[in-house]
Amino acid sequence: MGEEERYDSNLIIEPYLQDQLVVVCGPGHELAGTSLITSEILARQKFVLREKGSSTRDMVDKIVQQAGIPLSEVWELPSTESIKQVLMSNWGLSILSFTSVRGELQAGYLVTVPLKEQLPFHRSINLAFHRSKIFTPALTALYHFLGSKKEAIIEDFSSVTIQQAINCQNSEVRIQDSECIIQAIF
C-alpha cells in the first residue's frame, strides 16, 4: 500500500512472504465470468468480510476507503472458511488472500472477479519475535521449520502443519492459514 507499517519497538520483524488479496465470488454469482467490473459496480455489491480487527479486514477497509469505494452492505464473519462457504452458495463477494482460496479457485468452487481499476491488494507477511526473549530450542526448531517450508507455504499454505512436538512454554504460536498470516510472538 506504499506506507511503512509501524510495529512495537520491542519486536524484531522479519519479512517472510508476499501475499495478494483477490475479489472472489461463487461460480453462480451474477458477476462470475464478467470482464473488468468498475468500482461503481463493486460498491453496489453485497460483501461478506472478516470481522473488524482482522488484518485482512483492516487492509480491505483501508484500500477501499482510499479508492473512494463505499461498501454499502457488509456481512461480517469470524473465519475465512465460513466466508468461503457463504460465497460458494453464490451470496455476495469477498476480498480474501489468494493463498487461502487457491484450492477453491482451482476446483471451480470460487471464481475471481477482475477489477477495471488496479487496487493495491498486496501485503507482506512477517515473522515477529520479541526483542528480549531468548530463542528456546522449540522456537529455534519452529524458526528453522518455517524457513525450510517457505516454498511449500508459498505453493500451498494450507497443506503445511507445524509438528506437534513444538510446544513453547510461556509463548504463543499462532498460525492462521485462513488468512495466510504467520506470527510467532515470544
Foldseek 3Di string as FASTA:
>chain_A
DPDDDDDDPQKDKAFADKWFKFKKAFCPAPQRPPPADELVVVQPWAEEEADPPDPLVVVVVVQCVVVVRHNDHYHHDHFLVVRLVCRLVGHTMYIAICLLCVVCCVVRSMHTRHHPDDIPRMDTAIEMEGNPDDQDPLNVVVVVLCVVCSVVCVVHVVVDDDDPVRDDPPWDWDQRSRRRHGYTYD
